[in-house]
Amino acid sequence: MRYYIAHKYQGDKSNIERAGKIAKKLQIEHPEHAYFSPLHAFSFLGYNDIPFDDFMEVCLDFLSACDVLIVASEEISKGVQMEIDFAKLVKMEVMTLDENGELQPFTE
């Protein structure tokens, strides 16, 4: 299965680091699956290199190739909310991480 890890960015590089730690932990624990972070996949882009809406269009296209959305951010940013809304629209499973870093069903 392909898991998309949604995490806020907002120009803060520490958010990239946090998303990377989450992806690494999940990948090591579950090598039979693939975990993708758009923050890492598109890290070659600067925060304002392309307009936000264009960037999110690319992210949603990336998400459409995945099976499950993981909401890994404590705060739901505008971008993460767009990813959640898209996943729900296409009836994709949405998960979140509990306080122990374990996957749980996402509830708003």
PDB file of N, CA and C in Angstrom:
ATOM      1  N   MET A   1       0.842  -1.180   0.000  1.00  0.00           N
ATOM      2  CA  MET A   1       0.000   0.000   0.000  1.00  0.00           C
ATOM      3  C   MET A   1       0.887   1.244   0.000  1.00  0.00           C
ATOM      4  N   ARG A   2       0.355   2.319  -0.563  1.00  0.00           N
ATOM      5  CA  ARG A   2       1.069   3.597  -0.619  1.00  0.00           C
ATOM      6  C   ARG A   2       0.394   4.586   0.338  1.00  0.00           C
ATOM      7  N   TYR A   3       1.171   5.099   1.259  1.00  0.00           N
ATOM      8  CA  TYR A   3       0.684   6.031   2.273  1.00  0.00           C
ATOM      9  C   TYR A   3       1.256   7.428   2.007  1.00  0.00           C
ATOM     10  N   TYR A   4       0.401   8.415   2.022  1.00  0.00           N
ATOM     11  CA  TYR A   4       0.774   9.817   1.827  1.00  0.00           C
ATOM     12  C   TYR A   4       0.762  10.478   3.195  1.00  0.00           C
ATOM     13  N   ILE A   5       1.864  11.081   3.578  1.00  0.00           N
ATOM     14  CA  ILE A   5       1.977  11.699   4.892  1.00  0.00           C
ATOM     15  C   ILE A   5       1.758  13.204   4.761  1.00  0.00           C
ATOM     16  N   ALA A   6       0.601  13.662   5.240  1.00  0.00           N
ATOM     17  CA  ALA A   6       0.266  15.086   5.204  1.00  0.00           C
ATOM     18  C   ALA A   6       0.741  15.752   6.487  1.00  0.00           C
ATOM     19  N   HIS A   7       1.535  16.790   6.324  1.00  0.00           N
ATOM     20  CA  HIS A   7       2.047  17.533   7.477  1.00  0.00           C
ATOM     21  C   HIS A   7       2.154  18.990   7.075  1.00  0.00           C
ATOM     22  N   LYS A   8       1.789  19.889   7.970  1.00  0.00           N
ATOM     23  CA  LYS A   8       1.900  21.319   7.677  1.00  0.00           C
ATOM     24  C   LYS A   8       3.358  21.668   7.385  1.00  0.00           C
ATOM     25  N   TYR A   9       3.551  22.693   6.563  1.00  0.00           N
ATOM     26  CA  TYR A   9       4.893  23.188   6.275  1.00  0.00           C
ATOM     27  C   TYR A   9       5.006  24.655   6.687  1.00  0.00           C
ATOM     28  N   GLN A  10       4.292  25.509   6.028  1.00  0.00           N
ATOM     29  CA  GLN A  10       4.238  26.936   6.347  1.00  0.00           C
ATOM     30  C   GLN A  10       5.618  27.591   6.406  1.00  0.00           C
ATOM     31  N   GLY A  11       6.551  27.087   5.595  1.00  0.00           N
ATOM     32  CA  GLY A  11       7.880  27.670   5.512  1.00  0.00           C
ATOM     33  C   GLY A  11       8.806  27.316   6.657  1.00  0.00           C
ATOM     34  N   ASP A  12       8.394  26.438   7.548  1.00  0.00           N
ATOM     35  CA  ASP A  12       9.183  26.072   8.725  1.00  0.00           C
ATOM     36  C   ASP A  12       9.890  24.735   8.474  1.00  0.00           C
ATOM     37  N   LYS A  13      11.216  24.791   8.334  1.00  0.00           N
ATOM     38  CA  LYS A  13      11.979  23.576   8.022  1.00  0.00           C
ATOM     39  C   LYS A  13      11.884  22.506   9.110  1.00  0.00           C
ATOM     40  N   SER A  14      11.566  22.904  10.344  1.00  0.00           N
ATOM     41  CA  SER A  14      11.419  21.895  11.399  1.00  0.00           C
ATOM     42  C   SER A  14      10.227  20.982  11.114  1.00  0.00           C
ATOM     43  N   ASN A  15       9.250  21.473  10.373  1.00  0.00           N
ATOM     44  CA  ASN A  15       8.122  20.621   9.989  1.00  0.00           C
ATOM     45  C   ASN A  15       8.550  19.552   8.997  1.00  0.00           C
ATOM     46  N   ILE A  16       9.497  19.872   8.124  1.00  0.00           N
ATOM     47  CA  ILE A  16      10.043  18.869   7.204  1.00  0.00           C
ATOM     48  C   ILE A  16      10.762  17.791   8.009  1.00  0.00           C
ATOM     49  N   GLU A  17      11.531  18.210   9.003  1.00  0.00           N
ATOM     50  CA  GLU A  17      12.250  17.252   9.845  1.00  0.00           C
ATOM     51  C   GLU A  17      11.286  16.335  10.595  1.00  0.00           C
ATOM     52  N   ARG A  18      10.226  16.903  11.140  1.00  0.00           N
ATOM     53  CA  ARG A  18       9.245  16.097  11.882  1.00  0.00           C
ATOM     54  C   ARG A  18       8.572  15.090  10.956  1.00  0.00           C
ATOM     55  N   ALA A  19       8.155  15.548   9.765  1.00  0.00           N
ATOM     56  CA  ALA A  19       7.523  14.642   8.799  1.00  0.00           C
ATOM     57  C   ALA A  19       8.493  13.531   8.393  1.00  0.00           C
ATOM     58  N   GLY A  20       9.768  13.869   8.275  1.00  0.00           N
ATOM     59  CA  GLY A  20      10.775  12.865   7.928  1.00  0.00           C
ATOM     60  C   GLY A  20      10.942  11.815   9.010  1.00  0.00           C
ATOM     61  N   LYS A  21      10.931  12.234  10.255  1.00  0.00           N
ATOM     62  CA  LYS A  21      11.032  11.276  11.365  1.00  0.00           C
ATOM     63  C   LYS A  21       9.832  10.341  11.393  1.00  0.00           C
ATOM     64  N   ILE A  22       8.655  10.896  11.127  1.00  0.00           N
ATOM     65  CA  ILE A  22       7.438  10.075  11.085  1.00  0.00           C
ATOM     66  C   ILE A  22       7.522   9.067   9.945  1.00  0.00           C
ATOM     67  N   ALA A  23       7.906   9.539   8.761  1.00  0.00           N
ATOM     68  CA  ALA A  23       8.012   8.650   7.595  1.00  0.00           C
ATOM     69  C   ALA A  23       9.043   7.549   7.844  1.00  0.00           C
ATOM     70  N   LYS A  24      10.176   7.916   8.413  1.00  0.00           N
ATOM     71  CA  LYS A  24      11.229   6.934   8.683  1.00  0.00           C
ATOM     72  C   LYS A  24      10.745   5.870   9.666  1.00  0.00           C
ATOM     73  N   LYS A  25      10.096   6.301  10.748  1.00  0.00           N
ATOM     74  CA  LYS A  25       9.596   5.357  11.755  1.00  0.00           C
ATOM     75  C   LYS A  25       8.594   4.389  11.129  1.00  0.00           C
ATOM     76  N   LEU A  26       7.650   4.923  10.367  1.00  0.00           N
ATOM     77  CA  LEU A  26       6.633   4.074   9.750  1.00  0.00           C
ATOM     78  C   LEU A  26       7.251   3.128   8.724  1.00  0.00           C
ATOM     79  N   GLN A  27       8.198   3.622   7.921  1.00  0.00           N
ATOM     80  CA  GLN A  27       8.817   2.785   6.893  1.00  0.00           C
ATOM     81  C   GLN A  27       9.601   1.633   7.507  1.00  0.00           C
ATOM     82  N   ILE A  28      10.322   1.921   8.593  1.00  0.00           N
ATOM     83  CA  ILE A  28      11.100   0.875   9.263  1.00  0.00           C
ATOM     84  C   ILE A  28      10.172  -0.157   9.897  1.00  0.00           C
ATOM     85  N   GLU A  29       9.089   0.317  10.520  1.00  0.00           N
ATOM     86  CA  GLU A  29       8.160  -0.592  11.182  1.00  0.00           C
ATOM     87  C   GLU A  29       7.309  -1.398  10.197  1.00  0.00           C
ATOM     88  N   HIS A  30       7.087  -0.855   9.011  1.00  0.00           N
ATOM     89  CA  HIS A  30       6.212  -1.504   8.025  1.00  0.00           C
ATOM     90  C   HIS A  30       6.869  -1.503   6.647  1.00  0.00           C
ATOM     91  N   PRO A  31       7.932  -2.288   6.452  1.00  0.00           N
ATOM     92  CA  PRO A  31       8.648  -2.267   5.174  1.00  0.00           C
ATOM     93  C   PRO A  31       7.827  -2.803   3.998  1.00  0.00           C
ATOM     94  N   GLU A  32       6.702  -3.415   4.290  1.00  0.00           N
ATOM     95  CA  GLU A  32       5.854  -3.946   3.212  1.00  0.00           C
ATOM     96  C   GLU A  32       5.020  -2.852   2.535  1.00  0.00           C
ATOM     97  N   HIS A  33       5.038  -1.636   3.097  1.00  0.00           N
ATOM     98  CA  HIS A  33       4.299  -0.503   2.538  1.00  0.00           C
ATOM     99  C   HIS A  33       5.278   0.579   2.097  1.00  0.00           C
ATOM    100  N   ALA A  34       4.779   1.562   1.360  1.00  0.00           N
ATOM    101  CA  ALA A  34       5.596   2.702   0.940  1.00  0.00           C
ATOM    102  C   ALA A  34       4.990   3.972   1.522  1.00  0.00           C
ATOM    103  N   TYR A  35       5.832   4.788   2.127  1.00  0.00           N
ATOM    104  CA  TYR A  35       5.397   6.030   2.772  1.00  0.00           C
ATOM    105  C   TYR A  35       6.005   7.211   2.036  1.00  0.00           C
ATOM    106  N   PHE A  36       5.160   8.167   1.656  1.00  0.00           N
ATOM    107  CA  PHE A  36       5.595   9.320   0.881  1.00  0.00           C
ATOM    108  C   PHE A  36       5.237  10.609   1.601  1.00  0.00           C
ATOM    109  N   SER A  37       6.155  11.539   1.593  1.00  0.00           N
ATOM    110  CA  SER A  37       5.938  12.857   2.172  1.00  0.00           C
ATOM    111  C   SER A  37       6.136  13.900   1.075  1.00  0.00           C
ATOM    112  N   PRO A  38       5.095  14.668   0.745  1.00  0.00           N
ATOM    113  CA  PRO A  38       5.287  15.702  -0.277  1.00  0.00           C
ATOM    114  C   PRO A  38       6.292  16.762   0.169  1.00  0.00           C
ATOM    115  N   LEU A  39       6.449  16.961   1.484  1.00  0.00           N
ATOM    116  CA  LEU A  39       7.443  17.919   1.962  1.00  0.00           C
ATOM    117  C   LEU A  39       8.841  17.496   1.540  1.00  0.00           C
ATOM    118  N   HIS A  40       9.073  16.201   1.461  1.00  0.00           N
ATOM    119  CA  HIS A  40      10.379  15.701   1.035  1.00  0.00           C
ATOM    120  C   HIS A  40      10.450  15.556  -0.481  1.00  0.00           C
ATOM    121  N   ALA A  41       9.377  15.086  -1.074  1.00  0.00           N
ATOM    122  CA  ALA A  41       9.371  14.884  -2.520  1.00  0.00           C
ATOM    123  C   ALA A  41       9.589  16.190  -3.280  1.00  0.00           C
ATOM    124  N   PHE A  42       9.091  17.293  -2.712  1.00  0.00           N
ATOM    125  CA  PHE A  42       9.194  18.586  -3.384  1.00  0.00           C
ATOM    126  C   PHE A  42      10.086  19.562  -2.616  1.00  0.00           C
ATOM    127  N   SER A  43      11.023  19.029  -1.835  1.00  0.00           N
ATOM    128  CA  SER A  43      11.883  19.887  -1.002  1.00  0.00           C
ATOM    129  C   SER A  43      12.831  20.746  -1.843  1.00  0.00           C
ATOM    130  N   PHE A  44      12.963  20.442  -3.114  1.00  0.00           N
ATOM    131  CA  PHE A  44      13.807  21.258  -3.984  1.00  0.00           C
ATOM    132  C   PHE A  44      13.158  22.612  -4.283  1.00  0.00           C
ATOM    133  N   LEU A  45      11.863  22.751  -3.977  1.00  0.00           N
ATOM    134  CA  LEU A  45      11.158  24.014  -4.187  1.00  0.00           C
ATOM    135  C   LEU A  45      11.270  24.890  -2.946  1.00  0.00           C
ATOM    136  N   GLY A  46      11.481  26.157  -3.150  1.00  0.00           N
ATOM    137  CA  GLY A  46      11.435  27.109  -2.054  1.00  0.00           C
ATOM    138  C   GLY A  46       9.988  27.385  -1.690  1.00  0.00           C
ATOM    139  N   TYR A  47       9.762  27.950  -0.519  1.00  0.00           N
ATOM    140  CA  TYR A  47       8.401  28.167  -0.005  1.00  0.00           C
ATOM    141  C   TYR A  47       7.532  28.970  -0.954  1.00  0.00           C
ATOM    142  N   ASN A  48       8.094  29.929  -1.644  1.00  0.00           N
ATOM    143  CA  ASN A  48       7.299  30.769  -2.540  1.00  0.00           C
ATOM    144  C   ASN A  48       7.711  30.631  -4.007  1.00  0.00           C
ATOM    145  N   ASP A  49       8.354  29.519  -4.379  1.00  0.00           N
ATOM    146  CA  ASP A  49       8.779  29.343  -5.771  1.00  0.00           C
ATOM    147  C   ASP A  49       7.603  29.254  -6.736  1.00  0.00           C
ATOM    148  N   ILE A  50       6.534  28.604  -6.321  1.00  0.00           N
ATOM    149  CA  ILE A  50       5.323  28.547  -7.149  1.00  0.00           C
ATOM    150  C   ILE A  50       4.138  28.945  -6.275  1.00  0.00           C
ATOM    151  N   PRO A  51       3.080  29.446  -6.888  1.00  0.00           N
ATOM    152  CA  PRO A  51       1.910  29.843  -6.095  1.00  0.00           C
ATOM    153  C   PRO A  51       1.345  28.654  -5.302  1.00  0.00           C
ATOM    154  N   PHE A  52       0.793  28.952  -4.128  1.00  0.00           N
ATOM    155  CA  PHE A  52       0.248  27.932  -3.232  1.00  0.00           C
ATOM    156  C   PHE A  52      -0.735  27.009  -3.951  1.00  0.00           C
ATOM    157  N   ASP A  53      -1.677  27.574  -4.716  1.00  0.00           N
ATOM    158  CA  ASP A  53      -2.685  26.748  -5.390  1.00  0.00           C
ATOM    159  C   ASP A  53      -2.050  25.797  -6.402  1.00  0.00           C
ATOM    160  N   ASP A  54      -1.010  26.241  -7.095  1.00  0.00           N
ATOM    161  CA  ASP A  54      -0.308  25.365  -8.036  1.00  0.00           C
ATOM    162  C   ASP A  54       0.410  24.253  -7.294  1.00  0.00           C
ATOM    163  N   PHE A  55       1.035  24.596  -6.168  1.00  0.00           N
ATOM    164  CA  PHE A  55       1.734  23.591  -5.381  1.00  0.00           C
ATOM    165  C   PHE A  55       0.746  22.539  -4.863  1.00  0.00           C
ATOM    166  N   MET A  56      -0.397  23.000  -4.375  1.00  0.00           N
ATOM    167  CA  MET A  56      -1.384  22.059  -3.843  1.00  0.00           C
ATOM    168  C   MET A  56      -1.954  21.172  -4.952  1.00  0.00           C
ATOM    169  N   GLU A  57      -2.074  21.690  -6.154  1.00  0.00           N
ATOM    170  CA  GLU A  57      -2.538  20.868  -7.270  1.00  0.00           C
ATOM    171  C   GLU A  57      -1.566  19.719  -7.524  1.00  0.00           C
ATOM    172  N   VAL A  58      -0.276  20.011  -7.444  1.00  0.00           N
ATOM    173  CA  VAL A  58       0.747  18.972  -7.598  1.00  0.00           C
ATOM    174  C   VAL A  58       0.640  17.962  -6.457  1.00  0.00           C
ATOM    175  N   CYS A  59       0.469  18.454  -5.231  1.00  0.00           N
ATOM    176  CA  CYS A  59       0.350  17.563  -4.071  1.00  0.00           C
ATOM    177  C   CYS A  59      -0.874  16.660  -4.182  1.00  0.00           C
ATOM    178  N   LEU A  60      -1.990  17.212  -4.608  1.00  0.00           N
ATOM    179  CA  LEU A  60      -3.207  16.410  -4.731  1.00  0.00           C
ATOM    180  C   LEU A  60      -3.072  15.375  -5.842  1.00  0.00           C
ATOM    181  N   ASP A  61      -2.342  15.702  -6.897  1.00  0.00           N
ATOM    182  CA  ASP A  61      -2.077  14.722  -7.947  1.00  0.00           C
ATOM    183  C   ASP A  61      -1.235  13.581  -7.382  1.00  0.00           C
ATOM    184  N   PHE A  62      -0.245  13.929  -6.573  1.00  0.00           N
ATOM    185  CA  PHE A  62       0.607  12.952  -5.888  1.00  0.00           C
ATOM    186  C   PHE A  62      -0.247  12.094  -4.950  1.00  0.00           C
ATOM    187  N   LEU A  63      -1.125  12.725  -4.189  1.00  0.00           N
ATOM    188  CA  LEU A  63      -2.015  12.024  -3.268  1.00  0.00           C
ATOM    189  C   LEU A  63      -2.925  11.051  -4.009  1.00  0.00           C
ATOM    190  N   SER A  64      -3.366  11.418  -5.197  1.00  0.00           N
ATOM    191  CA  SER A  64      -4.292  10.559  -5.947  1.00  0.00           C
ATOM    192  C   SER A  64      -3.659   9.220  -6.327  1.00  0.00           C
ATOM    193  N   ALA A  65      -2.343   9.136  -6.295  1.00  0.00           N
ATOM    194  CA  ALA A  65      -1.654   7.876  -6.606  1.00  0.00           C
ATOM    195  C   ALA A  65      -1.452   7.012  -5.363  1.00  0.00           C
ATOM    196  N   CYS A  66      -1.910   7.501  -4.213  1.00  0.00           N
ATOM    197  CA  CYS A  66      -1.733   6.775  -2.955  1.00  0.00           C
ATOM    198  C   CYS A  66      -3.033   6.096  -2.528  1.00  0.00           C
ATOM    199  N   ASP A  67      -2.918   5.209  -1.547  1.00  0.00           N
ATOM    200  CA  ASP A  67      -4.064   4.451  -1.057  1.00  0.00           C
ATOM    201  C   ASP A  67      -4.644   5.003   0.238  1.00  0.00           C
ATOM    202  N   VAL A  68      -3.783   5.610   1.063  1.00  0.00           N
ATOM    203  CA  VAL A  68      -4.192   6.075   2.384  1.00  0.00           C
ATOM    204  C   VAL A  68      -3.531   7.432   2.652  1.00  0.00           C
ATOM    205  N   LEU A  69      -4.292   8.327   3.251  1.00  0.00           N
ATOM    206  CA  LEU A  69      -3.764   9.613   3.702  1.00  0.00           C
ATOM    207  C   LEU A  69      -3.525   9.523   5.204  1.00  0.00           C
ATOM    208  N   ILE A  70      -2.322   9.891   5.633  1.00  0.00           N
ATOM    209  CA  ILE A  70      -2.012   9.973   7.060  1.00  0.00           C
ATOM    210  C   ILE A  70      -1.898  11.445   7.426  1.00  0.00           C
ATOM    211  N   VAL A  71      -2.739  11.906   8.323  1.00  0.00           N
ATOM    212  CA  VAL A  71      -2.650  13.262   8.840  1.00  0.00           C
ATOM    213  C   VAL A  71      -1.660  13.214   9.994  1.00  0.00           C
ATOM    214  N   ALA A  72      -0.462  13.755   9.759  1.00  0.00           N
ATOM    215  CA  ALA A  72       0.618  13.626  10.735  1.00  0.00           C
ATOM    216  C   ALA A  72       0.919  14.937  11.449  1.00  0.00           C
ATOM    217  N   SER A  73       0.126  15.934  11.192  1.00  0.00           N
ATOM    218  CA  SER A  73       0.333  17.261  11.747  1.00  0.00           C
ATOM    219  C   SER A  73      -0.656  17.502  12.877  1.00  0.00           C
ATOM    220  N   GLU A  74      -0.167  18.008  13.998  1.00  0.00           N
ATOM    221  CA  GLU A  74      -1.077  18.320  15.108  1.00  0.00           C
ATOM    222  C   GLU A  74      -2.021  19.445  14.719  1.00  0.00           C
ATOM    223  N   GLU A  75      -1.505  20.406  13.979  1.00  0.00           N
ATOM    224  CA  GLU A  75      -2.313  21.532  13.500  1.00  0.00           C
ATOM    225  C   GLU A  75      -2.713  21.267  12.054  1.00  0.00           C
ATOM    226  N   ILE A  76      -3.982  21.446  11.762  1.00  0.00           N
ATOM    227  CA  ILE A  76      -4.470  21.247  10.397  1.00  0.00           C
ATOM    228  C   ILE A  76      -4.335  22.572   9.650  1.00  0.00           C
ATOM    229  N   SER A  77      -3.311  22.665   8.808  1.00  0.00           N
ATOM    230  CA  SER A  77      -3.097  23.866   8.007  1.00  0.00           C
ATOM    231  C   SER A  77      -4.071  23.869   6.827  1.00  0.00           C
ATOM    232  N   LYS A  78      -4.090  24.963   6.083  1.00  0.00           N
ATOM    233  CA  LYS A  78      -4.945  25.053   4.899  1.00  0.00           C
ATOM    234  C   LYS A  78      -4.620  23.931   3.910  1.00  0.00           C
ATOM    235  N   GLY A  79      -3.327  23.678   3.688  1.00  0.00           N
ATOM    236  CA  GLY A  79      -2.919  22.633   2.753  1.00  0.00           C
ATOM    237  C   GLY A  79      -3.325  21.246   3.219  1.00  0.00           C
ATOM    238  N   VAL A  80      -3.112  20.947   4.488  1.00  0.00           N
ATOM    239  CA  VAL A  80      -3.499  19.639   5.030  1.00  0.00           C
ATOM    240  C   VAL A  80      -5.016  19.469   4.935  1.00  0.00           C
ATOM    241  N   GLN A  81      -5.764  20.533   5.194  1.00  0.00           N
ATOM    242  CA  GLN A  81      -7.227  20.440   5.082  1.00  0.00           C
ATOM    243  C   GLN A  81      -7.640  20.145   3.646  1.00  0.00           C
ATOM    244  N   MET A  82      -6.945  20.737   2.678  1.00  0.00           N
ATOM    245  CA  MET A  82      -7.244  20.449   1.273  1.00  0.00           C
ATOM    246  C   MET A  82      -6.975  18.975   0.962  1.00  0.00           C
ATOM    247  N   GLU A  83      -5.919  18.428   1.539  1.00  0.00           N
ATOM    248  CA  GLU A  83      -5.592  17.013   1.327  1.00  0.00           C
ATOM    249  C   GLU A  83      -6.659  16.122   1.968  1.00  0.00           C
ATOM    250  N   ILE A  84      -7.111  16.468   3.158  1.00  0.00           N
ATOM    251  CA  ILE A  84      -8.172  15.713   3.834  1.00  0.00           C
ATOM    252  C   ILE A  84      -9.450  15.760   2.999  1.00  0.00           C
ATOM    253  N   ASP A  85      -9.824  16.940   2.553  1.00  0.00           N
ATOM    254  CA  ASP A  85     -11.047  17.103   1.766  1.00  0.00           C
ATOM    255  C   ASP A  85     -10.978  16.280   0.481  1.00  0.00           C
ATOM    256  N   PHE A  86      -9.826  16.289  -0.184  1.00  0.00           N
ATOM    257  CA  PHE A  86      -9.662  15.502  -1.404  1.00  0.00           C
ATOM    258  C   PHE A  86      -9.801  14.015  -1.113  1.00  0.00           C
ATOM    259  N   ALA A  87      -9.120  13.558  -0.057  1.00  0.00           N
ATOM    260  CA  ALA A  87      -9.176  12.128   0.289  1.00  0.00           C
ATOM    261  C   ALA A  87     -10.611  11.691   0.568  1.00  0.00           C
ATOM    262  N   LYS A  88     -11.348  12.512   1.287  1.00  0.00           N
ATOM    263  CA  LYS A  88     -12.745  12.181   1.575  1.00  0.00           C
ATOM    264  C   LYS A  88     -13.583  12.166   0.302  1.00  0.00           C
ATOM    265  N   LEU A  89     -13.321  13.114  -0.586  1.00  0.00           N
ATOM    266  CA  LEU A  89     -14.058  13.201  -1.846  1.00  0.00           C
ATOM    267  C   LEU A  89     -13.912  11.927  -2.668  1.00  0.00           C
ATOM    268  N   VAL A  90     -12.703  11.375  -2.700  1.00  0.00           N
ATOM    269  CA  VAL A  90     -12.452  10.168  -3.491  1.00  0.00           C
ATOM    270  C   VAL A  90     -12.591   8.894  -2.650  1.00  0.00           C
ATOM    271  N   LYS A  91     -13.098   9.063  -1.417  1.00  0.00           N
ATOM    272  CA  LYS A  91     -13.337   7.935  -0.510  1.00  0.00           C
ATOM    273  C   LYS A  91     -12.071   7.153  -0.170  1.00  0.00           C
ATOM    274  N   MET A  92     -10.991   7.898   0.016  1.00  0.00           N
ATOM    275  CA  MET A  92      -9.712   7.334   0.433  1.00  0.00           C
ATOM    276  C   MET A  92      -9.708   7.221   1.958  1.00  0.00           C
ATOM    277  N   GLU A  93      -9.109   6.187   2.461  1.00  0.00           N
ATOM    278  CA  GLU A  93      -8.986   6.042   3.916  1.00  0.00           C
ATOM    279  C   GLU A  93      -8.095   7.151   4.467  1.00  0.00           C
ATOM    280  N   VAL A  94      -8.512   7.739   5.590  1.00  0.00           N
ATOM    281  CA  VAL A  94      -7.745   8.800   6.243  1.00  0.00           C
ATOM    282  C   VAL A  94      -7.408   8.336   7.655  1.00  0.00           C
ATOM    283  N   MET A  95      -6.125   8.378   7.976  1.00  0.00           N
ATOM    284  CA  MET A  95      -5.632   7.949   9.278  1.00  0.00           C
ATOM    285  C   MET A  95      -4.922   9.123   9.950  1.00  0.00           C
ATOM    286  N   THR A  96      -4.679   8.984  11.238  1.00  0.00           N
ATOM    287  CA  THR A  96      -3.888   9.956  11.986  1.00  0.00           C
ATOM    288  C   THR A  96      -2.980   9.180  12.926  1.00  0.00           C
ATOM    289  N   LEU A  97      -2.086   9.879  13.580  1.00  0.00           N
ATOM    290  CA  LEU A  97      -1.183   9.246  14.527  1.00  0.00           C
ATOM    291  C   LEU A  97      -1.634   9.563  15.945  1.00  0.00           C
ATOM    292  N   ASP A  98      -1.672   8.537  16.803  1.00  0.00           N
ATOM    293  CA  ASP A  98      -2.009   8.795  18.204  1.00  0.00           C
ATOM    294  C   ASP A  98      -0.760   9.269  18.948  1.00  0.00           C
ATOM    295  N   GLU A  99      -0.868   9.459  20.254  1.00  0.00           N
ATOM    296  CA  GLU A  99       0.248   9.990  21.043  1.00  0.00           C
ATOM    297  C   GLU A  99       1.461   9.062  21.057  1.00  0.00           C
ATOM    298  N   ASN A 100       1.261   7.789  20.690  1.00  0.00           N
ATOM    299  CA  ASN A 100       2.367   6.829  20.625  1.00  0.00           C
ATOM    300  C   ASN A 100       2.897   6.658  19.208  1.00  0.00           C
ATOM    301  N   GLY A 101       2.373   7.448  18.280  1.00  0.00           N
ATOM    302  CA  GLY A 101       2.804   7.350  16.892  1.00  0.00           C
ATOM    303  C   GLY A 101       2.183   6.190  16.136  1.00  0.00           C
ATOM    304  N   GLU A 102       1.123   5.622  16.686  1.00  0.00           N
ATOM    305  CA  GLU A 102       0.428   4.513  16.027  1.00  0.00           C
ATOM    306  C   GLU A 102      -0.710   5.050  15.172  1.00  0.00           C
ATOM    307  N   LEU A 103      -0.972   4.398  14.057  1.00  0.00           N
ATOM    308  CA  LEU A 103      -2.032   4.823  13.152  1.00  0.00           C
ATOM    309  C   LEU A 103      -3.418   4.517  13.729  1.00  0.00           C
ATOM    310  N   GLN A 104      -4.277   5.510  13.619  1.00  0.00           N
ATOM    311  CA  GLN A 104      -5.670   5.387  14.080  1.00  0.00           C
ATOM    312  C   GLN A 104      -6.570   6.023  13.019  1.00  0.00           C
ATOM    313  N   PRO A 105      -7.854   5.644  12.985  1.00  0.00           N
ATOM    314  CA  PRO A 105      -8.781   6.329  12.069  1.00  0.00           C
ATOM    315  C   PRO A 105      -8.843   7.813  12.398  1.00  0.00           C
ATOM    316  N   PHE A 106      -8.898   8.649  11.375  1.00  0.00           N
ATOM    317  CA  PHE A 106      -8.971  10.100  11.550  1.00  0.00           C
ATOM    318  C   PHE A 106     -10.400  10.529  11.824  1.00  0.00           C
ATOM    319  N   THR A 107     -10.567  11.371  12.823  1.00  0.00           N
ATOM    320  CA  THR A 107     -11.871  11.971  13.101  1.00  0.00           C
ATOM    321  C   THR A 107     -11.658  13.463  13.274  1.00  0.00           C
ATOM    322  N   GLU A 108     -12.600  14.221  12.759  1.00  0.00           N
ATOM    323  CA  GLU A 108     -12.488  15.681  12.893  1.00  0.00           C
ATOM    324  C   GLU A 108     -13.274  16.145  14.078  1.00  0.00           C
TER     325      GLU A 108
END
